[in-house]
Amino acid sequence: MEEKNVLDLLIEIQQVAAESELDAEKVIKGNKTAGIRLRKVMQKIKSLAQEVRDEVQESKSELV
């Protein structure tokens, strides 16, 4: 699997977040199924954010 750089990961986070806006609107209206989908998307965003943190830390360690 190809390792993504920080910018690629941030772009992916933005895309995933944008794609989940409709489900977020449905959650506000009380749609429980949309809530399940939104929680799944948020878990993916959390995972991607952790990858960003790891990449930044790794690059920081390489500079020292």
N, C-alpha and C. Protein backbone atom coordinates (compact mmCIF):
# COMPACT_ATOMS: atom_id res chain seq x y z
N MET A 1 0.83 -1.18 0.00
CA MET A 1 0.00 0.00 0.00
C MET A 1 0.88 1.24 0.00
N GLU A 2 0.52 2.19 -0.84
CA GLU A 2 1.30 3.42 -0.96
C GLU A 2 1.07 4.31 0.25
N GLU A 3 2.15 4.81 0.82
CA GLU A 3 2.05 5.70 1.98
C GLU A 3 1.68 7.09 1.48
N LYS A 4 0.70 7.69 2.13
CA LYS A 4 0.23 9.01 1.74
C LYS A 4 0.97 10.08 2.52
N ASN A 5 1.15 11.23 1.88
CA ASN A 5 1.78 12.34 2.61
C ASN A 5 0.71 13.12 3.36
N VAL A 6 1.12 14.05 4.17
CA VAL A 6 0.22 14.79 5.04
C VAL A 6 -0.84 15.53 4.23
N LEU A 7 -0.46 16.14 3.14
CA LEU A 7 -1.41 16.89 2.33
C LEU A 7 -2.47 15.96 1.74
N ASP A 8 -2.06 14.80 1.24
CA ASP A 8 -3.02 13.83 0.71
C ASP A 8 -4.02 13.41 1.78
N LEU A 9 -3.53 13.19 2.99
CA LEU A 9 -4.40 12.77 4.09
C LEU A 9 -5.39 13.88 4.45
N LEU A 10 -4.92 15.13 4.48
CA LEU A 10 -5.81 16.24 4.80
C LEU A 10 -6.89 16.41 3.73
N ILE A 11 -6.52 16.24 2.49
CA ILE A 11 -7.49 16.32 1.40
C ILE A 11 -8.53 15.22 1.54
N GLU A 12 -8.08 14.02 1.88
CA GLU A 12 -9.01 12.91 2.08
C GLU A 12 -9.96 13.19 3.24
N ILE A 13 -9.45 13.77 4.33
CA ILE A 13 -10.31 14.12 5.46
C ILE A 13 -11.38 15.11 5.02
N GLN A 14 -10.98 16.11 4.24
CA GLN A 14 -11.94 17.11 3.76
C GLN A 14 -13.01 16.47 2.88
N GLN A 15 -12.60 15.55 2.00
CA GLN A 15 -13.55 14.90 1.11
C GLN A 15 -14.53 14.04 1.90
N VAL A 16 -14.03 13.28 2.84
CA VAL A 16 -14.88 12.41 3.64
C VAL A 16 -15.87 13.25 4.45
N ALA A 17 -15.39 14.36 5.03
CA ALA A 17 -16.26 15.23 5.81
C ALA A 17 -17.34 15.85 4.93
N ALA A 18 -16.97 16.30 3.75
CA ALA A 18 -17.94 16.91 2.83
C ALA A 18 -19.00 15.90 2.41
N GLU A 19 -18.58 14.66 2.18
CA GLU A 19 -19.52 13.63 1.76
C GLU A 19 -20.51 13.25 2.87
N SER A 20 -20.17 13.57 4.10
CA SER A 20 -21.03 13.18 5.23
C SER A 20 -22.00 14.28 5.64
N GLU A 21 -21.97 15.42 4.97
CA GLU A 21 -22.84 16.53 5.35
C GLU A 21 -24.31 16.17 5.29
N LEU A 22 -24.72 15.44 4.27
CA LEU A 22 -26.12 15.05 4.14
C LEU A 22 -26.56 14.19 5.31
N ASP A 23 -25.73 13.24 5.70
CA ASP A 23 -26.06 12.41 6.86
C ASP A 23 -26.13 13.25 8.13
N ALA A 24 -25.26 14.24 8.26
CA ALA A 24 -25.29 15.12 9.44
C ALA A 24 -26.62 15.87 9.51
N GLU A 25 -27.08 16.34 8.36
CA GLU A 25 -28.37 17.03 8.32
C GLU A 25 -29.51 16.09 8.71
N LYS A 26 -29.42 14.84 8.26
CA LYS A 26 -30.44 13.85 8.60
C LYS A 26 -30.43 13.52 10.09
N VAL A 27 -29.25 13.50 10.68
CA VAL A 27 -29.14 13.23 12.12
C VAL A 27 -29.86 14.33 12.90
N ILE A 28 -29.68 15.56 12.48
CA ILE A 28 -30.33 16.69 13.15
C ILE A 28 -31.86 16.52 13.11
N LYS A 29 -32.34 15.93 12.03
CA LYS A 29 -33.78 15.72 11.88
C LYS A 29 -34.26 14.46 12.59
N GLY A 30 -33.34 13.70 13.20
CA GLY A 30 -33.73 12.54 13.98
C GLY A 30 -33.57 11.20 13.30
N ASN A 31 -32.90 11.13 12.17
CA ASN A 31 -32.71 9.88 11.45
C ASN A 31 -31.60 9.06 12.12
N LYS A 32 -31.99 7.98 12.77
CA LYS A 32 -31.03 7.17 13.53
C LYS A 32 -30.06 6.41 12.61
N THR A 33 -30.53 5.96 11.46
CA THR A 33 -29.67 5.24 10.53
C THR A 33 -28.56 6.15 10.00
N ALA A 34 -28.90 7.39 9.74
CA ALA A 34 -27.89 8.37 9.30
C ALA A 34 -26.87 8.58 10.41
N GLY A 35 -27.31 8.51 11.65
CA GLY A 35 -26.40 8.64 12.78
C GLY A 35 -25.37 7.53 12.81
N ILE A 36 -25.80 6.32 12.49
CA ILE A 36 -24.88 5.18 12.43
C ILE A 36 -23.84 5.42 11.33
N ARG A 37 -24.31 5.85 10.17
CA ARG A 37 -23.38 6.12 9.06
C ARG A 37 -22.42 7.24 9.42
N LEU A 38 -22.93 8.28 10.06
CA LEU A 38 -22.09 9.42 10.43
C LEU A 38 -21.03 9.02 11.45
N ARG A 39 -21.40 8.19 12.41
CA ARG A 39 -20.42 7.73 13.39
C ARG A 39 -19.32 6.92 12.71
N LYS A 40 -19.68 6.12 11.72
CA LYS A 40 -18.69 5.33 10.98
C LYS A 40 -17.72 6.26 10.23
N VAL A 41 -18.27 7.29 9.62
CA VAL A 41 -17.44 8.27 8.90
C VAL A 41 -16.51 9.00 9.87
N MET A 42 -17.04 9.36 11.03
CA MET A 42 -16.21 10.06 12.01
C MET A 42 -15.08 9.17 12.51
N GLN A 43 -15.32 7.88 12.60
CA GLN A 43 -14.25 6.96 12.98
C GLN A 43 -13.16 6.94 11.90
N LYS A 44 -13.58 7.00 10.63
CA LYS A 44 -12.60 7.03 9.54
C LYS A 44 -11.79 8.33 9.61
N ILE A 45 -12.47 9.44 9.89
CA ILE A 45 -11.76 10.72 10.00
C ILE A 45 -10.78 10.68 11.17
N LYS A 46 -11.19 10.07 12.26
CA LYS A 46 -10.30 9.93 13.42
C LYS A 46 -9.06 9.14 13.03
N SER A 47 -9.24 8.08 12.28
CA SER A 47 -8.12 7.24 11.84
C SER A 47 -7.19 8.02 10.92
N LEU A 48 -7.79 8.77 9.99
CA LEU A 48 -6.98 9.59 9.07
C LEU A 48 -6.22 10.67 9.84
N ALA A 49 -6.87 11.28 10.83
CA ALA A 49 -6.21 12.30 11.64
C ALA A 49 -5.01 11.71 12.39
N GLN A 50 -5.17 10.49 12.86
CA GLN A 50 -4.06 9.83 13.55
C GLN A 50 -2.91 9.59 12.58
N GLU A 51 -3.24 9.24 11.34
CA GLU A 51 -2.19 9.06 10.33
C GLU A 51 -1.44 10.37 10.10
N VAL A 52 -2.17 11.48 10.06
CA VAL A 52 -1.54 12.80 9.90
C VAL A 52 -0.59 13.04 11.07
N ARG A 53 -1.06 12.80 12.28
CA ARG A 53 -0.22 13.00 13.47
C ARG A 53 1.04 12.15 13.39
N ASP A 54 0.88 10.89 12.98
CA ASP A 54 2.02 9.98 12.88
C ASP A 54 3.02 10.45 11.83
N GLU A 55 2.51 10.90 10.68
CA GLU A 55 3.39 11.38 9.62
C GLU A 55 4.16 12.63 10.06
N VAL A 56 3.47 13.54 10.73
CA VAL A 56 4.12 14.76 11.20
C VAL A 56 5.20 14.41 12.22
N GLN A 57 4.87 13.53 13.14
CA GLN A 57 5.85 13.13 14.16
C GLN A 57 7.05 12.45 13.51
N GLU A 58 6.77 11.60 12.53
CA GLU A 58 7.87 10.90 11.84
C GLU A 58 8.78 11.88 11.12
N SER A 59 8.20 12.85 10.42
CA SER A 59 9.01 13.83 9.70
C SER A 59 9.77 14.71 10.68
N LYS A 60 9.16 15.00 11.82
CA LYS A 60 9.82 15.81 12.84
C LYS A 60 11.02 15.07 13.40
N SER A 61 10.87 13.77 13.60
CA SER A 61 11.95 12.94 14.14
C SER A 61 13.11 12.82 13.15
N GLU A 62 12.78 12.81 11.86
CA GLU A 62 13.81 12.71 10.83
C GLU A 62 14.64 13.99 10.75
N LEU A 63 14.06 15.12 11.10
CA LEU A 63 14.76 16.40 11.02
C LEU A 63 15.75 16.60 12.15
N VAL A 64 15.53 15.91 13.25
CA VAL A 64 16.40 16.09 14.42
C VAL A 64 17.69 15.35 14.27
